[in-house]
C-alpha atoms as a PDB file:
ATOM      1  CA  MET A   1      98.125 124.833 113.956  1.00  0.00           C
ATOM      2  CA  VAL A   2     100.160 126.244 111.455  1.00  0.00           C
ATOM      3  CA  THR A   3      98.021 124.899 108.739  1.00  0.00           C
ATOM      4  CA  GLY A   4      94.954 125.676 109.901  1.00  0.00           C
ATOM      5  CA  GLN A   5      96.262 129.513 110.102  1.00  0.00           C
ATOM      6  CA  ILE A   6      97.108 129.360 106.830  1.00  0.00           C
ATOM      7  CA  LEU A   7      94.110 127.525 105.439  1.00  0.00           C
ATOM      8  CA  ARG A   8      92.167 130.323 107.099  1.00  0.00           C
ATOM      9  CA  ALA A   9      94.016 133.059 105.801  1.00  0.00           C
ATOM     10  CA  PHE A  10      94.451 131.707 102.096  1.00  0.00           C
ATOM     11  CA  GLY A  11      91.351 129.413 101.576  1.00  0.00           C
ATOM     12  CA  SER A  12      91.359 126.036 101.546  1.00  0.00           C
ATOM     13  CA  HIS A  13      91.036 125.200  97.908  1.00  0.00           C
ATOM     14  CA  ARG A  14      93.628 127.551  97.173  1.00  0.00           C
ATOM     15  CA  VAL A  15      96.527 126.110  99.576  1.00  0.00           C
ATOM     16  CA  VAL A  16      95.433 122.348  98.881  1.00  0.00           C
ATOM     17  CA  PHE A  17      95.903 123.234  95.495  1.00  0.00           C
ATOM     18  CA  VAL A  18      99.543 124.781  95.834  1.00  0.00           C
ATOM     19  CA  GLU A  19     100.367 122.014  98.793  1.00  0.00           C
ATOM     20  CA  PHE A  20      99.629 119.429  95.842  1.00  0.00           C
ATOM     21  CA  LEU A  21     101.659 121.350  93.130  1.00  0.00           C
ATOM     22  CA  ALA A  22     104.410 121.496  95.741  1.00  0.00           C
ATOM     23  CA  ALA A  23     104.244 117.565  96.374  1.00  0.00           C
ATOM     24  CA  ILE A  24     104.648 117.397  92.471  1.00  0.00           C
ATOM     25  CA  ALA A  25     107.535 119.555  92.209  1.00  0.00           C
ATOM     26  CA  LEU A  26     109.175 117.834  95.326  1.00  0.00           C
ATOM     27  CA  VAL A  27     108.803 114.331  94.322  1.00  0.00           C
ATOM     28  CA  THR A  28     110.463 115.194  91.063  1.00  0.00           C
ATOM     29  CA  LEU A  29     113.200 116.571  92.813  1.00  0.00           C
ATOM     30  CA  LEU A  30     113.487 113.452  94.711  1.00  0.00           C
ATOM     31  CA  ALA A  31     113.471 111.583  91.522  1.00  0.00           C
ATOM     32  CA  PHE A  32     116.391 113.158  90.338  1.00  0.00           C
ATOM     33  CA  PHE A  33     118.636 113.942  93.581  1.00  0.00           C
ATOM     34  CA  TYR A  34     118.144 110.571  95.295  1.00  0.00           C
ATOM     35  CA  SER A  35     121.374 109.452  94.301  1.00  0.00           C
ATOM     36  CA  ARG A  36     123.211 112.833  95.299  1.00  0.00           C
ATOM     37  CA  GLY A  37     123.597 112.021  99.042  1.00  0.00           C
ATOM     38  CA  LEU A  38     121.809 111.936 101.928  1.00  0.00           C
ATOM     39  CA  LEU A  39     121.507 115.588 102.488  1.00  0.00           C
ATOM     40  CA  PRO A  40     119.065 116.461  99.691  1.00  0.00           C
ATOM     41  CA  ILE A  41     117.046 113.625 100.802  1.00  0.00           C
ATOM     42  CA  ILE A  42     116.470 114.576 104.035  1.00  0.00           C
ATOM     43  CA  ILE A  43     116.016 118.356 103.284  1.00  0.00           C
ATOM     44  CA  ILE A  44     113.371 116.959 100.316  1.00  0.00           C
ATOM     45  CA  THR A  45     111.749 114.757 102.343  1.00  0.00           C
ATOM     46  CA  THR A  46     111.229 116.962 105.167  1.00  0.00           C
ATOM     47  CA  VAL A  47     109.694 119.488 103.063  1.00  0.00           C
ATOM     48  CA  LEU A  48     107.614 116.907 101.145  1.00  0.00           C
ATOM     49  CA  GLY A  49     106.321 115.246 104.768  1.00  0.00           C
ATOM     50  CA  PHE A  50     105.310 118.917 105.687  1.00  0.00           C
ATOM     51  CA  VAL A  51     103.276 119.786 102.386  1.00  0.00           C
ATOM     52  CA  VAL A  52     101.785 116.373 102.310  1.00  0.00           C
ATOM     53  CA  GLN A  53     100.536 116.670 106.112  1.00  0.00           C
ATOM     54  CA  GLY A  54      99.424 120.031 105.329  1.00  0.00           C
ATOM     55  CA  ALA A  55      97.462 118.961 102.272  1.00  0.00           C
ATOM     56  CA  GLN A  56      95.745 116.065 104.097  1.00  0.00           C
ATOM     57  CA  ALA A  57      94.393 118.365 106.570  1.00  0.00           C
ATOM     58  CA  GLY A  58      93.483 121.126 103.978  1.00  0.00           C
ATOM     59  CA  LEU A  59      91.552 117.898 102.088  1.00  0.00           C
ATOM     60  CA  ASN A  60      89.710 117.201 105.588  1.00  0.00           C
ATOM     61  CA  ALA A  61      88.651 120.954 105.704  1.00  0.00           C
ATOM     62  CA  LEU A  62      87.507 121.310 101.977  1.00  0.00           C
ATOM     63  CA  VAL A  63      85.481 118.031 102.351  1.00  0.00           C
ATOM     64  CA  ALA A  64      83.669 119.303 105.398  1.00  0.00           C
ATOM     65  CA  GLU A  65      82.624 122.485 103.147  1.00  0.00           C
ATOM     66  CA  PHE A  66      80.759 120.582 100.976  1.00  0.00           C
ATOM     67  CA  TYR A  67      78.348 118.422 103.048  1.00  0.00           C
ATOM     68  CA  PRO A  68      75.484 119.749 104.833  1.00  0.00           C
ATOM     69  CA  THR A  69      75.822 119.519 108.818  1.00  0.00           C
ATOM     70  CA  SER A  70      73.331 116.641 108.711  1.00  0.00           C
ATOM     71  CA  ILE A  71      75.532 114.273 106.786  1.00  0.00           C
ATOM     72  CA  ARG A  72      78.716 116.206 107.311  1.00  0.00           C
ATOM     73  CA  SER A  73      80.537 113.541 109.596  1.00  0.00           C
ATOM     74  CA  THR A  74      79.241 110.704 107.282  1.00  0.00           C
ATOM     75  CA  GLY A  75      80.918 112.621 104.142  1.00  0.00           C
ATOM     76  CA  VAL A  76      84.234 113.296 105.999  1.00  0.00           C
ATOM     77  CA  GLY A  77      84.179 109.689 107.343  1.00  0.00           C
ATOM     78  CA  TRP A  78      83.879 108.332 103.905  1.00  0.00           C
ATOM     79  CA  ALA A  79      86.757 110.570 102.661  1.00  0.00           C
ATOM     80  CA  LEU A  80      89.047 109.637 105.381  1.00  0.00           C
ATOM     81  CA  GLY A  81      88.084 105.780 104.640  1.00  0.00           C
ATOM     82  CA  ILE A  82      88.879 106.125 101.119  1.00  0.00           C
ATOM     83  CA  GLY A  83      92.019 107.549 101.737  1.00  0.00           C
ATOM     84  CA  ARG A  84      93.277 105.119 104.364  1.00  0.00           C
ATOM     85  CA  VAL A  85      92.452 102.652 101.355  1.00  0.00           C
ATOM     86  CA  GLY A  86      94.865 104.594  99.242  1.00  0.00           C
ATOM     87  CA  ALA A  87      97.348 104.422 102.251  1.00  0.00           C
ATOM     88  CA  ILE A  88      97.040 100.681 102.192  1.00  0.00           C
ATOM     89  CA  ILE A  89      97.160 100.134  98.118  1.00  0.00           C
ATOM     90  CA  GLY A  90      99.858 102.815  97.955  1.00  0.00           C
ATOM     91  CA  PRO A  91     102.824 100.809  99.198  1.00  0.00           C
ATOM     92  CA  ILE A  92     101.615  97.712  97.651  1.00  0.00           C
ATOM     93  CA  ILE A  93     101.738  99.436  94.452  1.00  0.00           C
ATOM     94  CA  GLY A  94     105.289 101.140  95.528  1.00  0.00           C
ATOM     95  CA  GLY A  95     106.362  97.537  96.355  1.00  0.00           C
ATOM     96  CA  ILE A  96     105.161  96.062  92.988  1.00  0.00           C
ATOM     97  CA  MET A  97     107.106  98.832  91.185  1.00  0.00           C
ATOM     98  CA  LEU A  98     110.045  97.881  92.988  1.00  0.00           C
ATOM     99  CA  SER A  99     109.564  94.237  92.283  1.00  0.00           C
ATOM    100  CA  PHE A 100     109.875  95.147  88.392  1.00  0.00           C
ATOM    101  CA  ASP A 101     113.443  96.439  89.189  1.00  0.00           C
ATOM    102  CA  MET A 102     112.172 100.097  87.697  1.00  0.00           C
ATOM    103  CA  PRO A 103     114.602 102.454  88.108  1.00  0.00           C
ATOM    104  CA  ILE A 104     114.368 104.472  91.166  1.00  0.00           C
ATOM    105  CA  SER A 105     113.856 107.732  89.749  1.00  0.00           C
ATOM    106  CA  ARG A 106     110.754 106.334  87.201  1.00  0.00           C
ATOM    107  CA  THR A 107     109.420 105.045  90.678  1.00  0.00           C
ATOM    108  CA  PHE A 108     109.624 108.228  92.303  1.00  0.00           C
ATOM    109  CA  LEU A 109     108.118 109.883  89.232  1.00  0.00           C
ATOM    110  CA  MET A 110     105.153 107.384  89.182  1.00  0.00           C
ATOM    111  CA  CYS A 111     104.525 108.180  92.557  1.00  0.00           C
ATOM    112  CA  SER A 112     103.602 111.679  91.571  1.00  0.00           C
ATOM    113  CA  VAL A 113     100.658 110.687  89.981  1.00  0.00           C
ATOM    114  CA  PRO A 114      98.238 110.650  92.957  1.00  0.00           C
ATOM    115  CA  ALA A 115      99.063 114.289  93.438  1.00  0.00           C
ATOM    116  CA  VAL A 116      98.724 115.213  89.846  1.00  0.00           C
ATOM    117  CA  ILE A 117      95.504 113.733  89.797  1.00  0.00           C
ATOM    118  CA  ALA A 118      94.575 115.699  93.384  1.00  0.00           C
ATOM    119  CA  ALA A 119      95.745 119.015  91.773  1.00  0.00           C
ATOM    120  CA  ILE A 120      93.468 118.570  88.780  1.00  0.00           C
ATOM    121  CA  ALA A 121      90.528 117.600  91.107  1.00  0.00           C
ATOM    122  CA  ILE A 122      91.192 120.733  93.228  1.00  0.00           C
ATOM    123  CA  PHE A 123      91.592 123.235  90.334  1.00  0.00           C
ATOM    124  CA  THR A 124      88.436 121.916  88.545  1.00  0.00           C
ATOM    125  CA  MET A 125      86.550 122.205  91.863  1.00  0.00           C
ATOM    126  CA  MET A 126      87.752 125.755  92.152  1.00  0.00           C
ATOM    127  CA  LYS A 127      86.532 126.558  88.559  1.00  0.00           C
ATOM    128  CA  ARG A 128      83.295 125.101  89.333  1.00  0.00           C
ATOM    129  CA  VAL A 129      82.987 126.924  92.830  1.00  0.00           C
ATOM    130  CA  ARG A 130      83.724 130.154  91.235  1.00  0.00           C
ATOM    131  CA  SER A 131      81.636 129.830  88.020  1.00  0.00           C
ATOM    132  CA  GLY A 132      78.583 128.659  90.587  1.00  0.00           C
ATOM    133  CA  ILE A 133      78.258 125.132  89.146  1.00  0.00           C
ATOM    134  CA  ALA A 134      79.245 123.881  92.133  1.00  0.00           C
ATOM    135  CA  LYS A 135      78.730 125.493  95.882  1.00  0.00           C
ATOM    136  CA  PRO A 136      79.794 124.846  99.452  1.00  0.00           C
ATOM    137  CA  GLN A 137      76.886 124.244 101.888  1.00  0.00           C
ATOM    138  CA  ASP A 138      75.458 127.471 103.534  1.00  0.00           C
ATOM    139  CA  ASP A 139      76.276 126.362 106.756  1.00  0.00           C
ATOM    140  CA  ALA A 140      79.778 125.120 106.404  1.00  0.00           C
ATOM    141  CA  PRO A 141      82.426 127.155 107.434  1.00  0.00           C
ATOM    142  CA  ILE A 142      83.648 128.560 104.694  1.00  0.00           C
ATOM    143  CA  ILE A 143      87.545 129.227 104.348  1.00  0.00           C
ATOM    144  CA  MET A 144      87.734 129.766 100.645  1.00  0.00           C
ATOM    145  CA  ASN A 145      89.274 133.373  99.463  1.00  0.00           C
END
């Protein structure tokens, strides 16, 4: 509910972009504060959980904006399906990194790479929409301010 109001107030592109930047910052903080006790870990991961969940909800809204009504459910379904593949592969890659006895801080930093890629993709999409190269579908519920 809160995420929906934030998306409507500030626009899905902006909100999702900021959430991915926040995720990058929080994972980086986690990489450096994981050994400083339980309290920093709890605080960082709690905020990170909120940010990541918000970004996921925002991505769903963002994807829906770029498909015409006739295929919107298919487009959103594909996006969600690809996200599920990432949810399966991510822990496998994390386990592989841990099996190589990498330092935990490096493992955390490497886990921020998908958020960096997502932030770059959202930023690029924002620029394309603003320049008129790409545009949301006319019948989509546009929430980009």
